[in-house]
Amino acid sequence: MKQSLSLRAGLSLTMTPALQQAIRLLQLSSLDLQVEIQQALESNVMLEALDGEGEIIEGEAEEALAEADARAAEDSGDGSGEIASEKTLDLNDDSAIPDEMPVDADWGDIYDSPNQSTSTTSSGTSEDEDGLRDYMQANLHSERSLREHLIWQANLSPFDDVDAEIALNLIDAINDDGYLEDWDAIRTRLMESLQVAGERIDAVLKLVQDFDPAGVAARDLGECLRLQLQQFAPATEGRDTALRLLDAPMVLLARRDEHALAKTTGLPLAEIQPGLALIQQLQPHPGRPYQAHQNDYVAPDVFVIKKNGRWRVSLNPEHNPRLRINPYYHGLVKRADTSRDQLTLKQHLQEARYFINSLEARNETLLRVAQCIVEEQRAFLDYGEEAMRPLVLRDVAEKLGVHESTVSRATANKYLLTPRGLYELKFFFSSHVQTTEGGTCSATAIQAMIKRLIALEEPAKPLSDATLAELLLKEGIQVARRTVAKYREAMHIPPSHERKPLS
């Protein structure tokens, strides 16, 4: 076999650091992007956020560089370019301090700061930040867990050592919802380990059930609601009726079947409604308010409004802070200097340019994808979910001339605010079903039709999945019964036999 050398031209995609950063920023959510921008601002001296200013252009960069070189030449010449605003502070010089000073005096009122010119321009911002910090500090609070809250009450109760041990074991067995789990096993274990009678354990349980919140340490839902009702005044309207209603099967209470409840409990039909209204005010999960909550507020990434008969798309400016290269540090970069500081500045400059370009590419891609989605789903914006068109990632990718993975990253964890509500961008993508006339219909539109048909059904005669499929066929949508069942279950709608009220 003869060996030889040859040249061959070809094209290949190389994952450069800049491309990797652009791809990573594209798939970040708005909250993650804010964290990424903040970290970049803190770690890169070349980056700075703008407030109403434009980005630095090449002309400004060259001018700043020339000014920096001129300053360096002056400093090396006669030494007159040294900072003249720096002052030496002599703490032993009492003459600099007036005899009478106001209580709220600041050092800045007596001495001039070396950065006084800068601080005076940002005094308003500093005051705002101080006010925000004070507000946040004043509103800091530590959340107490349900277990800590119950133990605190147990320590205040007149328990002896044995009863305190029993109460602690019972509290440890209460789950996050406030219910006592494995009561029989715990009761048996405590009787054997502490050598106490079961009646004593029952008595301690009754005391723990009197703790706050009302209904805690209940062994089932009925007992939880009963404990809460018992704390109402006896003269409360509907209290006695509600206690009797708890003897009925819980499924009747859940369905609010007044006729079946009246038949089961023997109460007059007129008294059922006040009792049900009182039960609805109770908390079926008394431990929920003590669980660790973290509210995740979703802010839209894209706005869609209708103006002059046309749908207009715009990015949320709060999620896209304007960044630029700091002109001062940019002016300190010297092309011929290879010192360590200069190399660091040049590296920061290159990283800052990559980061700004990646942000611009992210915003442009997100805006183009959102505009394409709005263009395809104008019928949904005008008429609702039943007018939703079938759309897949490939359709948008072909229209924009990008890869499907780019569209997927651009729509991941991104939200669109429309006059109809807030939707995730992926909501507008759905599979299609063939219609009887040869067209297509999206799965989202079919789900909206099923929801409409079920909402209009007679309560005594709920529509089965087969009947729903027949009604959809009359509207030109040919779907199987199992497909209707799949869509119904996706919307968390129970089957027909569960939607029918008990007689």
Protein backbone atom coordinates (compact mmCIF):
# COMPACT_ATOMS: atom_id res chain seq x y z
CA MET A 1 0.00 0.00 0.00
CA LYS A 2 1.48 3.31 -1.12
CA GLN A 3 1.41 6.23 1.32
CA SER A 4 0.94 9.79 0.11
CA LEU A 5 0.07 13.28 1.35
CA SER A 6 -2.86 15.24 0.01
CA LEU A 7 -4.86 18.36 0.82
CA ARG A 8 -8.62 18.29 1.12
CA ALA A 9 -10.96 21.22 1.75
CA GLY A 10 -13.99 20.71 3.99
CA LEU A 11 -16.39 22.46 6.31
CA SER A 12 -17.02 21.41 9.90
CA LEU A 13 -18.64 23.04 12.92
CA THR A 14 -16.24 23.71 15.77
CA MET A 15 -17.65 24.31 19.24
CA THR A 16 -15.64 27.40 20.13
CA PRO A 17 -15.93 28.86 23.66
CA ALA A 18 -18.01 31.74 22.26
CA LEU A 19 -20.44 29.33 20.58
CA GLN A 20 -20.71 27.22 23.72
CA GLN A 21 -21.49 30.32 25.77
CA ALA A 22 -24.15 31.45 23.28
CA ILE A 23 -25.85 28.06 23.37
CA ARG A 24 -25.78 27.98 27.17
CA LEU A 25 -27.26 31.48 27.52
CA LEU A 26 -30.00 30.69 25.02
CA GLN A 27 -31.45 27.86 27.08
CA LEU A 28 -31.33 29.72 30.41
CA SER A 29 -34.53 30.96 31.99
CA SER A 30 -34.93 34.62 32.85
CA LEU A 31 -34.01 34.08 36.52
CA ASP A 32 -30.94 32.02 35.65
CA LEU A 33 -29.94 34.64 33.09
CA GLN A 34 -30.06 37.40 35.72
CA VAL A 35 -27.76 35.34 37.94
CA GLU A 36 -25.40 34.74 35.02
CA ILE A 37 -25.28 38.46 34.16
CA GLN A 38 -24.66 39.43 37.77
CA GLN A 39 -21.79 36.96 38.04
CA ALA A 40 -20.29 38.29 34.82
CA LEU A 41 -20.50 41.88 36.08
CA GLU A 42 -18.81 40.94 39.35
CA SER A 43 -16.01 38.91 37.78
CA ASN A 44 -15.18 41.02 34.69
CA VAL A 45 -13.92 44.57 35.15
CA MET A 46 -14.60 45.37 31.49
CA LEU A 47 -18.35 44.86 31.81
CA GLU A 48 -20.73 47.43 33.20
CA ALA A 49 -24.49 47.84 33.16
CA LEU A 50 -26.06 50.83 31.46
CA ASP A 51 -28.89 53.08 32.55
CA GLY A 52 -30.16 54.74 29.43
CA GLU A 53 -26.76 54.99 27.72
CA GLY A 54 -25.64 53.34 24.53
CA GLU A 55 -22.91 50.81 24.02
CA ILE A 56 -19.37 51.95 23.37
CA ILE A 57 -18.43 52.09 19.73
CA GLU A 58 -15.05 51.64 18.15
CA GLY A 59 -14.50 55.39 17.72
CA GLU A 60 -15.08 55.99 21.41
CA ALA A 61 -12.73 53.13 22.25
CA GLU A 62 -9.93 54.59 20.11
CA GLU A 63 -10.46 58.03 21.63
CA ALA A 64 -10.33 56.62 25.16
CA LEU A 65 -7.17 54.73 24.26
CA ALA A 66 -5.53 57.90 22.94
CA GLU A 67 -6.45 59.81 26.08
CA ALA A 68 -4.97 57.03 28.25
CA ASP A 69 -1.69 57.13 26.28
CA ALA A 70 -1.53 60.93 26.62
CA ARG A 71 -2.04 60.69 30.36
CA ALA A 72 0.70 58.08 30.62
CA ALA A 73 3.11 60.32 28.68
CA GLU A 74 2.38 63.29 30.92
CA ASP A 75 2.84 61.26 34.08
CA SER A 76 6.21 59.95 32.95
CA GLY A 77 7.40 63.46 31.94
CA ASP A 78 7.19 65.95 34.79
CA GLY A 79 5.25 64.14 37.42
CA SER A 80 2.56 66.79 37.46
CA GLY A 81 -0.07 64.31 36.50
CA GLU A 82 -0.29 62.76 39.94
CA ILE A 83 -3.67 62.71 41.63
CA ALA A 84 -4.13 65.99 43.44
CA SER A 85 -7.39 65.16 45.15
CA GLU A 86 -5.84 62.66 47.54
CA LYS A 87 -5.44 64.07 51.05
CA THR A 88 -3.72 62.78 54.14
CA LEU A 89 -6.10 62.60 57.09
CA ASP A 90 -4.56 63.44 60.46
CA LEU A 91 -6.83 62.05 63.18
CA ASN A 92 -4.93 64.02 65.81
CA ASP A 93 -5.80 67.34 64.19
CA ASP A 94 -8.72 68.53 66.31
CA SER A 95 -8.97 71.78 64.40
CA ALA A 96 -10.53 69.97 61.46
CA ILE A 97 -13.51 68.87 63.57
CA PRO A 98 -16.04 71.52 64.62
CA ASP A 99 -16.98 71.83 68.28
CA GLU A 100 -20.67 71.17 67.69
CA MET A 101 -21.81 68.47 65.30
CA PRO A 102 -25.31 67.19 64.55
CA VAL A 103 -26.19 63.74 65.85
CA ASP A 104 -26.63 62.29 62.36
CA ALA A 105 -23.41 63.79 60.96
CA ASP A 106 -21.43 61.75 58.45
CA TRP A 107 -17.69 61.66 57.81
CA GLY A 108 -18.45 62.99 54.35
CA ASP A 109 -19.73 66.22 55.97
CA ILE A 110 -16.31 66.88 57.53
CA TYR A 111 -13.75 65.35 55.17
CA ASP A 112 -13.71 65.23 51.41
CA SER A 113 -13.61 61.67 50.11
CA PRO A 114 -11.05 60.87 47.41
CA ASN A 115 -13.98 59.78 45.26
CA GLN A 116 -16.18 62.70 46.23
CA SER A 117 -16.94 63.59 42.64
CA THR A 118 -18.19 60.09 42.05
CA SER A 119 -20.10 59.82 45.31
CA THR A 120 -21.97 63.05 44.77
CA THR A 121 -23.36 61.84 41.49
CA SER A 122 -24.46 58.54 43.00
CA SER A 123 -25.77 59.86 46.32
CA GLY A 124 -29.35 59.26 45.26
CA THR A 125 -28.56 55.70 44.29
CA SER A 126 -26.73 55.08 47.58
CA GLU A 127 -29.67 56.41 49.56
CA ASP A 128 -32.03 54.16 47.63
CA GLU A 129 -29.80 51.13 48.23
CA ASP A 130 -29.52 51.96 51.94
CA GLY A 131 -33.28 52.26 52.18
CA LEU A 132 -33.79 48.94 50.41
CA ARG A 133 -31.23 47.25 52.67
CA ASP A 134 -32.92 48.64 55.79
CA TYR A 135 -36.31 47.50 54.55
CA MET A 136 -35.07 43.98 53.83
CA GLN A 137 -33.31 43.80 57.19
CA ALA A 138 -36.45 44.91 59.02
CA ASN A 139 -38.52 42.28 57.27
CA LEU A 140 -36.19 39.35 57.83
CA HIS A 141 -37.88 36.54 59.73
CA SER A 142 -37.21 32.90 60.37
CA GLU A 143 -39.93 30.40 59.62
CA ARG A 144 -40.74 27.90 62.36
CA SER A 145 -41.50 24.36 61.28
CA LEU A 146 -44.58 22.51 62.48
CA ARG A 147 -42.46 20.25 64.69
CA GLU A 148 -40.73 23.20 66.34
CA HIS A 149 -44.09 24.89 66.89
CA LEU A 150 -45.54 21.81 68.56
CA ILE A 151 -42.47 21.17 70.72
CA TRP A 152 -42.58 24.78 71.89
CA GLN A 153 -46.18 24.24 73.03
CA ALA A 154 -45.30 20.93 74.66
CA ASN A 155 -42.56 22.62 76.70
CA LEU A 156 -45.16 25.04 78.02
CA SER A 157 -47.58 22.27 78.97
CA PRO A 158 -47.65 20.78 82.51
CA PHE A 159 -46.29 17.38 81.48
CA ASP A 160 -44.26 15.19 83.79
CA ASP A 161 -41.23 13.39 82.44
CA VAL A 162 -43.15 10.36 81.14
CA ASP A 163 -45.94 12.39 79.54
CA ALA A 164 -43.36 14.71 77.98
CA GLU A 165 -41.61 11.68 76.44
CA ILE A 166 -44.93 10.43 75.09
CA ALA A 167 -45.79 13.85 73.64
CA LEU A 168 -42.38 14.10 71.97
CA ASN A 169 -42.82 10.70 70.32
CA LEU A 170 -46.29 11.65 69.10
CA ILE A 171 -45.02 14.95 67.69
CA ASP A 172 -42.23 13.14 65.83
CA ALA A 173 -44.87 10.92 64.19
CA ILE A 174 -46.86 13.88 62.81
CA ASN A 175 -46.26 14.39 59.08
CA ASP A 176 -45.93 17.68 57.23
CA ASP A 177 -49.70 17.87 56.65
CA GLY A 178 -50.34 17.67 60.40
CA TYR A 179 -51.64 14.07 60.58
CA LEU A 180 -50.49 11.42 63.04
CA GLU A 181 -49.15 8.41 61.15
CA ASP A 182 -49.02 4.76 62.30
CA TRP A 183 -51.03 5.40 65.47
CA ASP A 184 -51.53 1.75 66.39
CA ALA A 185 -47.83 0.92 65.99
CA ILE A 186 -46.74 3.99 67.96
CA ARG A 187 -49.21 3.25 70.77
CA THR A 188 -48.00 -0.34 71.09
CA ARG A 189 -44.33 0.66 71.01
CA LEU A 190 -44.77 3.33 73.70
CA MET A 191 -46.67 0.93 75.94
CA GLU A 192 -43.80 -1.56 75.73
CA SER A 193 -40.87 0.87 75.95
CA LEU A 194 -42.24 3.18 78.67
CA GLN A 195 -44.27 0.55 80.53
CA VAL A 196 -47.39 2.72 80.59
CA ALA A 197 -51.05 1.98 80.02
CA GLY A 198 -52.68 2.72 76.71
CA GLU A 199 -55.17 5.06 78.39
CA ARG A 200 -52.33 7.35 79.45
CA ILE A 201 -51.07 7.55 75.88
CA ASP A 202 -54.61 8.35 74.72
CA ALA A 203 -54.84 11.15 77.27
CA VAL A 204 -51.58 12.71 76.10
CA LEU A 205 -52.80 12.47 72.51
CA LYS A 206 -55.93 14.43 73.44
CA LEU A 207 -53.75 17.16 74.92
CA VAL A 208 -51.54 17.29 71.84
CA GLN A 209 -54.65 17.55 69.66
CA ASP A 210 -55.55 20.72 71.56
CA PHE A 211 -52.34 22.37 70.34
CA ASP A 212 -52.22 24.96 67.61
CA PRO A 213 -52.96 24.63 64.69
CA ALA A 214 -56.47 23.32 65.11
CA GLY A 215 -56.87 19.76 63.84
CA VAL A 216 -53.24 18.76 64.32
CA ALA A 217 -52.36 15.18 65.34
CA ALA A 218 -55.58 13.85 63.82
CA ARG A 219 -55.51 10.26 62.60
CA ASP A 220 -57.77 10.78 59.59
CA LEU A 221 -59.59 13.54 57.74
CA GLY A 222 -62.83 13.12 59.65
CA GLU A 223 -61.10 13.51 63.00
CA CYS A 224 -59.16 16.51 61.71
CA LEU A 225 -62.35 18.33 60.69
CA ARG A 226 -64.11 17.31 63.91
CA LEU A 227 -61.29 18.72 66.06
CA GLN A 228 -61.59 22.03 64.26
CA LEU A 229 -65.38 22.15 64.58
CA GLN A 230 -65.17 21.47 68.31
CA GLN A 231 -63.24 24.70 68.75
CA PHE A 232 -66.15 26.75 67.43
CA ALA A 233 -68.58 28.22 69.94
CA PRO A 234 -71.63 25.97 70.49
CA ALA A 235 -73.90 28.75 69.23
CA THR A 236 -72.12 28.91 65.86
CA GLU A 237 -74.60 28.49 63.01
CA GLY A 238 -74.28 25.09 61.37
CA ARG A 239 -71.83 23.67 63.94
CA ASP A 240 -74.04 20.83 65.18
CA THR A 241 -75.15 20.03 61.64
CA ALA A 242 -71.54 19.92 60.45
CA LEU A 243 -70.59 17.51 63.23
CA ARG A 244 -73.40 15.18 62.19
CA LEU A 245 -72.40 15.49 58.53
CA LEU A 246 -68.95 14.16 59.40
CA ASP A 247 -70.58 10.81 60.24
CA ALA A 248 -71.57 10.45 56.58
CA PRO A 249 -69.19 8.99 53.97
CA MET A 250 -66.52 11.50 52.94
CA VAL A 251 -67.27 10.97 49.26
CA LEU A 252 -70.70 12.55 49.78
CA LEU A 253 -69.11 15.57 51.45
CA ALA A 254 -66.59 15.92 48.64
CA ARG A 255 -69.35 15.91 46.04
CA ARG A 256 -71.61 18.15 48.17
CA ASP A 257 -74.50 15.82 47.42
CA GLU A 258 -77.11 17.44 49.68
CA HIS A 259 -79.89 14.94 48.94
CA ALA A 260 -77.68 11.94 49.70
CA LEU A 261 -76.37 13.60 52.88
CA ALA A 262 -79.90 14.34 54.07
CA LYS A 263 -80.92 10.76 53.40
CA THR A 264 -77.86 9.33 55.19
CA THR A 265 -77.91 11.58 58.27
CA GLY A 266 -81.66 12.13 58.56
CA LEU A 267 -81.19 15.90 58.67
CA PRO A 268 -83.63 18.27 56.96
CA LEU A 269 -82.47 19.40 53.55
CA ALA A 270 -82.60 23.06 54.63
CA GLU A 271 -79.98 22.48 57.35
CA ILE A 272 -77.47 20.77 55.07
CA GLN A 273 -76.25 23.91 53.30
CA PRO A 274 -75.15 25.85 56.46
CA GLY A 275 -73.28 22.77 57.69
CA LEU A 276 -71.51 22.31 54.37
CA ALA A 277 -70.61 25.99 54.26
CA LEU A 278 -68.98 25.71 57.69
CA ILE A 279 -67.03 22.58 56.71
CA GLN A 280 -65.69 24.35 53.62
CA GLN A 281 -64.07 26.95 55.90
CA LEU A 282 -61.97 24.30 57.64
CA GLN A 283 -58.36 23.37 56.82
CA PRO A 284 -58.03 19.74 55.70
CA HIS A 285 -54.22 20.01 55.96
CA PRO A 286 -53.46 21.91 59.19
CA GLY A 287 -49.70 21.53 58.77
CA ARG A 288 -49.51 23.12 55.33
CA PRO A 289 -49.05 26.74 56.56
CA TYR A 290 -45.90 25.62 58.42
CA GLN A 291 -44.29 23.95 55.45
CA ALA A 292 -41.37 25.68 53.76
CA HIS A 293 -42.82 27.73 50.93
CA GLN A 294 -40.95 29.33 48.09
CA ASN A 295 -43.12 31.28 45.73
CA ASP A 296 -41.83 31.07 42.19
CA TYR A 297 -43.26 34.07 40.40
CA VAL A 298 -43.14 33.72 36.65
CA ALA A 299 -42.29 36.90 34.78
CA PRO A 300 -42.88 36.98 31.03
CA ASP A 301 -39.92 37.01 28.68
CA VAL A 302 -41.96 38.25 25.72
CA PHE A 303 -44.94 40.62 25.47
CA VAL A 304 -47.62 40.35 22.80
CA ILE A 305 -50.12 43.19 22.30
CA LYS A 306 -52.52 44.07 19.53
CA LYS A 307 -52.00 47.57 18.18
CA ASN A 308 -53.73 49.03 15.14
CA GLY A 309 -55.12 45.61 14.25
CA ARG A 310 -51.70 43.91 14.26
CA TRP A 311 -50.05 41.70 16.83
CA ARG A 312 -46.75 43.14 18.01
CA VAL A 313 -44.02 41.20 19.81
CA SER A 314 -41.41 42.71 22.14
CA LEU A 315 -38.93 41.42 24.69
CA ASN A 316 -39.25 42.19 28.38
CA PRO A 317 -36.66 44.94 29.01
CA GLU A 318 -36.32 43.97 32.68
CA HIS A 319 -34.80 40.64 31.65
CA ASN A 320 -32.37 42.22 29.21
CA PRO A 321 -30.15 44.77 30.94
CA ARG A 322 -28.00 46.79 28.60
CA LEU A 323 -24.32 46.02 28.98
CA ARG A 324 -21.27 47.71 27.53
CA ILE A 325 -17.50 47.64 27.76
CA ASN A 326 -16.22 50.05 30.37
CA PRO A 327 -14.52 52.86 28.40
CA TYR A 328 -12.06 53.68 31.19
CA TYR A 329 -10.64 50.17 31.52
CA HIS A 330 -10.81 49.76 27.76
CA GLY A 331 -8.59 52.83 27.45
CA LEU A 332 -6.01 51.25 29.72
CA VAL A 333 -5.40 48.40 27.28
CA LYS A 334 -2.11 48.87 25.47
CA ARG A 335 -1.58 46.81 22.35
CA ALA A 336 2.20 46.40 22.61
CA ASP A 337 2.34 45.80 26.36
CA THR A 338 2.67 42.15 27.40
CA SER A 339 2.77 42.62 31.16
CA ARG A 340 0.66 40.49 33.45
CA ASP A 341 -1.88 43.24 34.13
CA GLN A 342 -2.23 43.98 30.43
CA LEU A 343 -2.78 40.32 29.62
CA THR A 344 -5.52 40.20 32.28
CA LEU A 345 -7.21 43.28 30.85
CA LYS A 346 -7.05 41.88 27.33
CA GLN A 347 -8.53 38.58 28.49
CA HIS A 348 -11.36 40.39 30.28
CA LEU A 349 -11.96 42.49 27.19
CA GLN A 350 -12.28 39.43 24.97
CA GLU A 351 -14.59 37.67 27.45
CA ALA A 352 -16.74 40.80 27.75
CA ARG A 353 -17.15 41.02 23.97
CA TYR A 354 -18.08 37.34 23.81
CA PHE A 355 -20.63 37.80 26.57
CA ILE A 356 -22.26 40.87 25.02
CA ASN A 357 -22.44 39.19 21.61
CA SER A 358 -23.94 36.06 23.16
CA LEU A 359 -26.63 38.13 24.91
CA GLU A 360 -27.46 39.94 21.68
CA ALA A 361 -27.68 36.62 19.83
CA ARG A 362 -29.95 35.20 22.55
CA ASN A 363 -32.30 38.17 22.41
CA GLU A 364 -32.43 38.12 18.63
CA THR A 365 -33.15 34.38 18.48
CA LEU A 366 -35.80 34.57 21.20
CA LEU A 367 -37.53 37.49 19.46
CA ARG A 368 -37.51 35.76 16.07
CA VAL A 369 -38.89 32.53 17.51
CA ALA A 370 -41.63 34.40 19.40
CA GLN A 371 -42.58 36.36 16.29
CA CYS A 372 -42.84 33.16 14.27
CA ILE A 373 -45.01 31.50 16.92
CA VAL A 374 -47.34 34.51 17.11
CA GLU A 375 -47.59 34.60 13.33
CA GLU A 376 -48.57 30.92 13.26
CA GLN A 377 -50.99 31.14 16.19
CA ARG A 378 -52.82 34.38 15.39
CA ALA A 379 -56.10 32.47 15.36
CA PHE A 380 -55.51 31.38 18.94
CA LEU A 381 -54.87 34.97 20.03
CA ASP A 382 -58.06 36.10 18.31
CA TYR A 383 -60.47 33.26 19.10
CA GLY A 384 -59.05 31.00 21.81
CA GLU A 385 -57.73 27.48 22.29
CA GLU A 386 -60.15 25.83 19.88
CA ALA A 387 -58.51 27.81 17.07
CA MET A 388 -55.00 26.58 17.93
CA ARG A 389 -53.10 25.36 14.89
CA PRO A 390 -50.84 22.29 14.96
CA LEU A 391 -47.21 23.35 15.25
CA VAL A 392 -43.95 21.47 15.82
CA LEU A 393 -40.37 22.58 16.30
CA ARG A 394 -39.46 21.65 12.74
CA ASP A 395 -41.99 24.12 11.32
CA VAL A 396 -40.44 27.06 13.16
CA ALA A 397 -36.89 25.87 12.45
CA GLU A 398 -37.56 25.71 8.71
CA LYS A 399 -39.12 29.17 8.64
CA LEU A 400 -36.21 30.74 10.52
CA GLY A 401 -33.47 28.69 8.89
CA VAL A 402 -32.08 27.33 12.16
CA HIS A 403 -31.75 23.90 13.74
CA GLU A 404 -34.60 22.35 15.73
CA SER A 405 -32.42 22.24 18.82
CA THR A 406 -32.04 26.01 18.65
CA VAL A 407 -35.81 26.44 18.69
CA SER A 408 -36.08 23.98 21.56
CA ARG A 409 -33.52 25.90 23.62
CA ALA A 410 -35.14 29.24 22.80
CA THR A 411 -38.55 28.05 24.01
CA ALA A 412 -37.38 26.22 27.14
CA ASN A 413 -38.56 27.94 30.34
CA LYS A 414 -39.60 31.07 28.41
CA TYR A 415 -43.03 32.67 28.87
CA LEU A 416 -45.23 34.74 26.62
CA LEU A 417 -47.71 37.28 28.01
CA THR A 418 -50.79 37.68 25.82
CA PRO A 419 -54.18 39.34 26.34
CA ARG A 420 -55.48 35.81 26.99
CA GLY A 421 -52.99 35.10 29.77
CA LEU A 422 -49.45 33.95 30.45
CA TYR A 423 -48.29 30.89 28.51
CA GLU A 424 -45.06 28.99 28.20
CA LEU A 425 -43.73 29.09 24.66
CA LYS A 426 -43.86 25.32 24.46
CA PHE A 427 -47.64 25.54 25.01
CA PHE A 428 -48.05 26.66 21.40
CA PHE A 429 -46.50 23.45 20.06
CA SER A 430 -48.80 20.45 19.70
CA SER A 431 -49.27 17.40 17.51
CA HIS A 432 -51.97 17.24 14.88
CA VAL A 433 -54.92 15.00 14.07
CA GLN A 434 -56.39 14.51 10.64
CA THR A 435 -59.87 15.92 10.06
CA THR A 436 -62.59 14.37 7.92
CA GLU A 437 -62.07 17.05 5.27
CA GLY A 438 -58.37 16.28 4.86
CA GLY A 439 -57.06 19.07 7.09
CA THR A 440 -55.36 18.94 10.45
CA CYS A 441 -56.35 19.95 13.96
CA SER A 442 -54.06 20.42 16.94
CA ALA A 443 -54.30 18.34 20.09
CA THR A 444 -54.73 21.51 22.15
CA ALA A 445 -57.80 22.48 20.13
CA ILE A 446 -59.29 19.00 20.59
CA GLN A 447 -58.76 19.20 24.36
CA ALA A 448 -60.54 22.57 24.38
CA MET A 449 -63.46 21.03 22.47
CA ILE A 450 -63.69 18.13 24.93
CA LYS A 451 -63.67 20.56 27.85
CA ARG A 452 -66.47 22.59 26.22
CA LEU A 453 -68.62 19.52 25.57
CA ILE A 454 -68.21 18.27 29.15
CA ALA A 455 -69.05 21.72 30.53
CA LEU A 456 -72.34 21.69 28.58
CA GLU A 457 -73.37 18.14 29.51
CA GLU A 458 -76.32 17.35 31.74
CA PRO A 459 -75.13 16.50 35.26
CA ALA A 460 -77.50 13.53 35.44
CA LYS A 461 -76.33 12.19 32.04
CA PRO A 462 -72.57 12.77 31.70
CA LEU A 463 -71.03 12.09 28.32
CA SER A 464 -68.94 8.95 27.94
CA ASP A 465 -65.69 8.89 25.99
CA ALA A 466 -67.39 7.10 23.11
CA THR A 467 -70.13 9.74 22.99
CA LEU A 468 -67.52 12.50 23.04
CA ALA A 469 -65.75 10.85 20.10
CA GLU A 470 -69.03 10.79 18.16
CA LEU A 471 -69.71 14.46 18.90
CA LEU A 472 -66.21 15.38 17.77
CA LEU A 473 -66.74 13.40 14.56
CA LYS A 474 -69.79 15.55 13.82
CA GLU A 475 -67.52 18.59 14.09
CA GLY A 476 -65.08 17.06 11.62
CA ILE A 477 -62.55 15.68 14.14
CA GLN A 478 -61.93 11.95 13.76
CA VAL A 479 -60.40 10.57 16.96
CA ALA A 480 -60.67 7.22 18.68
CA ARG A 481 -62.31 6.70 22.05
CA ARG A 482 -58.97 5.91 23.71
CA THR A 483 -57.58 9.19 22.33
CA VAL A 484 -60.47 11.07 23.92
CA ALA A 485 -59.76 9.28 27.20
CA LYS A 486 -56.08 10.25 26.99
CA TYR A 487 -56.90 13.92 26.39
CA ARG A 488 -59.52 13.88 29.17
CA GLU A 489 -57.07 12.41 31.67
CA ALA A 490 -54.44 14.99 30.63
CA MET A 491 -56.90 17.71 31.67
CA HIS A 492 -57.57 15.90 35.00
CA ILE A 493 -61.26 15.38 34.17
CA PRO A 494 -62.75 12.26 35.80
CA PRO A 495 -64.62 9.66 33.70
CA SER A 496 -68.38 9.82 33.22
CA HIS A 497 -69.31 7.46 36.08
CA GLU A 498 -67.40 9.67 38.53
CA ARG A 499 -68.93 12.87 37.19
CA LYS A 500 -72.45 11.57 37.74
CA PRO A 501 -73.88 12.73 41.10
CA LEU A 502 -75.17 10.10 43.52
CA SER A 503 -78.93 9.93 43.79
